[in-house]
C-alpha atoms as a PDB file:
ATOM      1  CA  UNK A   1      -0.007   0.006   0.011  1.00  0.00           C
ATOM      2  CA  UNK A   2       1.398   3.398  -0.930  1.00  0.00           C
ATOM      3  CA  UNK A   3       0.830   6.637   0.903  1.00  0.00           C
ATOM      4  CA  UNK A   4      -1.370   7.941  -1.917  1.00  0.00           C
ATOM      5  CA  UNK A   5      -4.037   5.360  -1.154  1.00  0.00           C
ATOM      6  CA  UNK A   6      -4.545   6.450   2.460  1.00  0.00           C
ATOM      7  CA  UNK A   7      -7.563   8.561   3.562  1.00  0.00           C
ATOM      8  CA  UNK A   8      -6.856  11.793   5.460  1.00  0.00           C
ATOM      9  CA  UNK A   9      -9.653  13.156   7.741  1.00  0.00           C
ATOM     10  CA  UNK A  10      -9.972  15.739  10.524  1.00  0.00           C
ATOM     11  CA  UNK A  11     -11.192  14.763  13.979  1.00  0.00           C
ATOM     12  CA  UNK A  12     -11.352  15.587  17.713  1.00  0.00           C
ATOM     13  CA  UNK A  13      -9.715  13.414  20.388  1.00  0.00           C
ATOM     14  CA  UNK A  14     -12.456  12.283  22.794  1.00  0.00           C
ATOM     15  CA  UNK A  15     -10.593   9.942  25.095  1.00  0.00           C
ATOM     16  CA  UNK A  16      -7.048   8.742  25.825  1.00  0.00           C
ATOM     17  CA  UNK A  17      -6.775   4.977  25.991  1.00  0.00           C
ATOM     18  CA  UNK A  18      -4.048   2.688  27.120  1.00  0.00           C
ATOM     19  CA  UNK A  19      -0.859   2.036  25.194  1.00  0.00           C
ATOM     20  CA  UNK A  20      -0.718   5.563  23.656  1.00  0.00           C
ATOM     21  CA  UNK A  21      -3.970   5.084  21.709  1.00  0.00           C
ATOM     22  CA  UNK A  22      -6.808   7.546  21.389  1.00  0.00           C
ATOM     23  CA  UNK A  23     -10.553   7.461  20.618  1.00  0.00           C
ATOM     24  CA  UNK A  24     -11.089  10.120  17.864  1.00  0.00           C
ATOM     25  CA  UNK A  25     -14.418  11.312  16.543  1.00  0.00           C
ATOM     26  CA  UNK A  26     -14.000  12.067  12.828  1.00  0.00           C
ATOM     27  CA  UNK A  27     -15.980  14.456  10.680  1.00  0.00           C
ATOM     28  CA  UNK A  28     -18.617  12.018   9.361  1.00  0.00           C
ATOM     29  CA  UNK A  29     -19.710  11.050  12.866  1.00  0.00           C
ATOM     30  CA  UNK A  30     -17.725   7.758  13.200  1.00  0.00           C
ATOM     31  CA  UNK A  31     -15.242   6.931  16.002  1.00  0.00           C
ATOM     32  CA  UNK A  32     -11.851   5.499  15.283  1.00  0.00           C
ATOM     33  CA  UNK A  33      -9.002   4.189  17.382  1.00  0.00           C
ATOM     34  CA  UNK A  34      -5.763   6.059  16.481  1.00  0.00           C
ATOM     35  CA  UNK A  35      -2.130   6.094  17.592  1.00  0.00           C
ATOM     36  CA  UNK A  36       0.420   8.840  17.141  1.00  0.00           C
ATOM     37  CA  UNK A  37       2.795   8.682  14.206  1.00  0.00           C
ATOM     38  CA  UNK A  38       6.471   7.953  14.751  1.00  0.00           C
ATOM     39  CA  UNK A  39       7.563  11.592  14.362  1.00  0.00           C
ATOM     40  CA  UNK A  40       5.054  12.718  16.985  1.00  0.00           C
ATOM     41  CA  UNK A  41       6.410  10.219  19.487  1.00  0.00           C
ATOM     42  CA  UNK A  42      10.003  11.170  18.601  1.00  0.00           C
ATOM     43  CA  UNK A  43       9.485  14.872  19.283  1.00  0.00           C
ATOM     44  CA  UNK A  44       7.264  14.281  22.351  1.00  0.00           C
ATOM     45  CA  UNK A  45       4.181  16.090  20.904  1.00  0.00           C
ATOM     46  CA  UNK A  46       1.468  15.705  23.532  1.00  0.00           C
ATOM     47  CA  UNK A  47      -2.123  14.875  22.547  1.00  0.00           C
ATOM     48  CA  UNK A  48      -4.966  15.601  25.005  1.00  0.00           C
ATOM     49  CA  UNK A  49      -8.700  15.054  24.859  1.00  0.00           C
ATOM     50  CA  UNK A  50     -10.295  17.962  22.974  1.00  0.00           C
ATOM     51  CA  UNK A  51      -7.463  18.479  20.542  1.00  0.00           C
ATOM     52  CA  UNK A  52      -8.216  18.782  16.812  1.00  0.00           C
ATOM     53  CA  UNK A  53      -6.038  16.269  14.890  1.00  0.00           C
ATOM     54  CA  UNK A  54      -5.441  14.942  11.339  1.00  0.00           C
ATOM     55  CA  UNK A  55      -5.930  11.183  11.122  1.00  0.00           C
ATOM     56  CA  UNK A  56      -4.761   8.965   8.266  1.00  0.00           C
ATOM     57  CA  UNK A  57      -6.925   5.886   7.698  1.00  0.00           C
ATOM     58  CA  UNK A  58      -6.125   2.777   5.745  1.00  0.00           C
ATOM     59  CA  UNK A  59      -8.680   1.905   3.032  1.00  0.00           C
ATOM     60  CA  UNK A  60      -8.554  -1.637   4.331  1.00  0.00           C
ATOM     61  CA  UNK A  61      -9.583  -0.937   7.925  1.00  0.00           C
ATOM     62  CA  UNK A  62     -11.518   2.286   8.505  1.00  0.00           C
ATOM     63  CA  UNK A  63     -11.805   1.643  12.270  1.00  0.00           C
ATOM     64  CA  UNK A  64      -8.085   2.240  12.934  1.00  0.00           C
ATOM     65  CA  UNK A  65      -5.876   5.154  12.129  1.00  0.00           C
ATOM     66  CA  UNK A  66      -2.603   7.084  12.701  1.00  0.00           C
ATOM     67  CA  UNK A  67      -2.535  10.647  14.103  1.00  0.00           C
ATOM     68  CA  UNK A  68      -0.181  12.691  11.918  1.00  0.00           C
ATOM     69  CA  UNK A  69      -0.786  16.258  13.056  1.00  0.00           C
ATOM     70  CA  UNK A  70      -2.164  18.115  16.072  1.00  0.00           C
ATOM     71  CA  UNK A  71      -3.808  21.468  15.108  1.00  0.00           C
ATOM     72  CA  UNK A  72      -3.358  24.527  17.274  1.00  0.00           C
END
């Protein structure tokens, strides 16, 4: 799978789960489980409930995603 095939959506973090995972409500009303991307972990970017984030979803499993950006 290449990066061009991924789906990028905006969402709001609702809950912090265990193992650095988050429950994120995306624009179309669905809830996905997302984890921070490697660069976000490397640079210690904190994600808190209520933050607006960009989530990249795989076309194969729309229930899981990767948080790539935290909006200010």
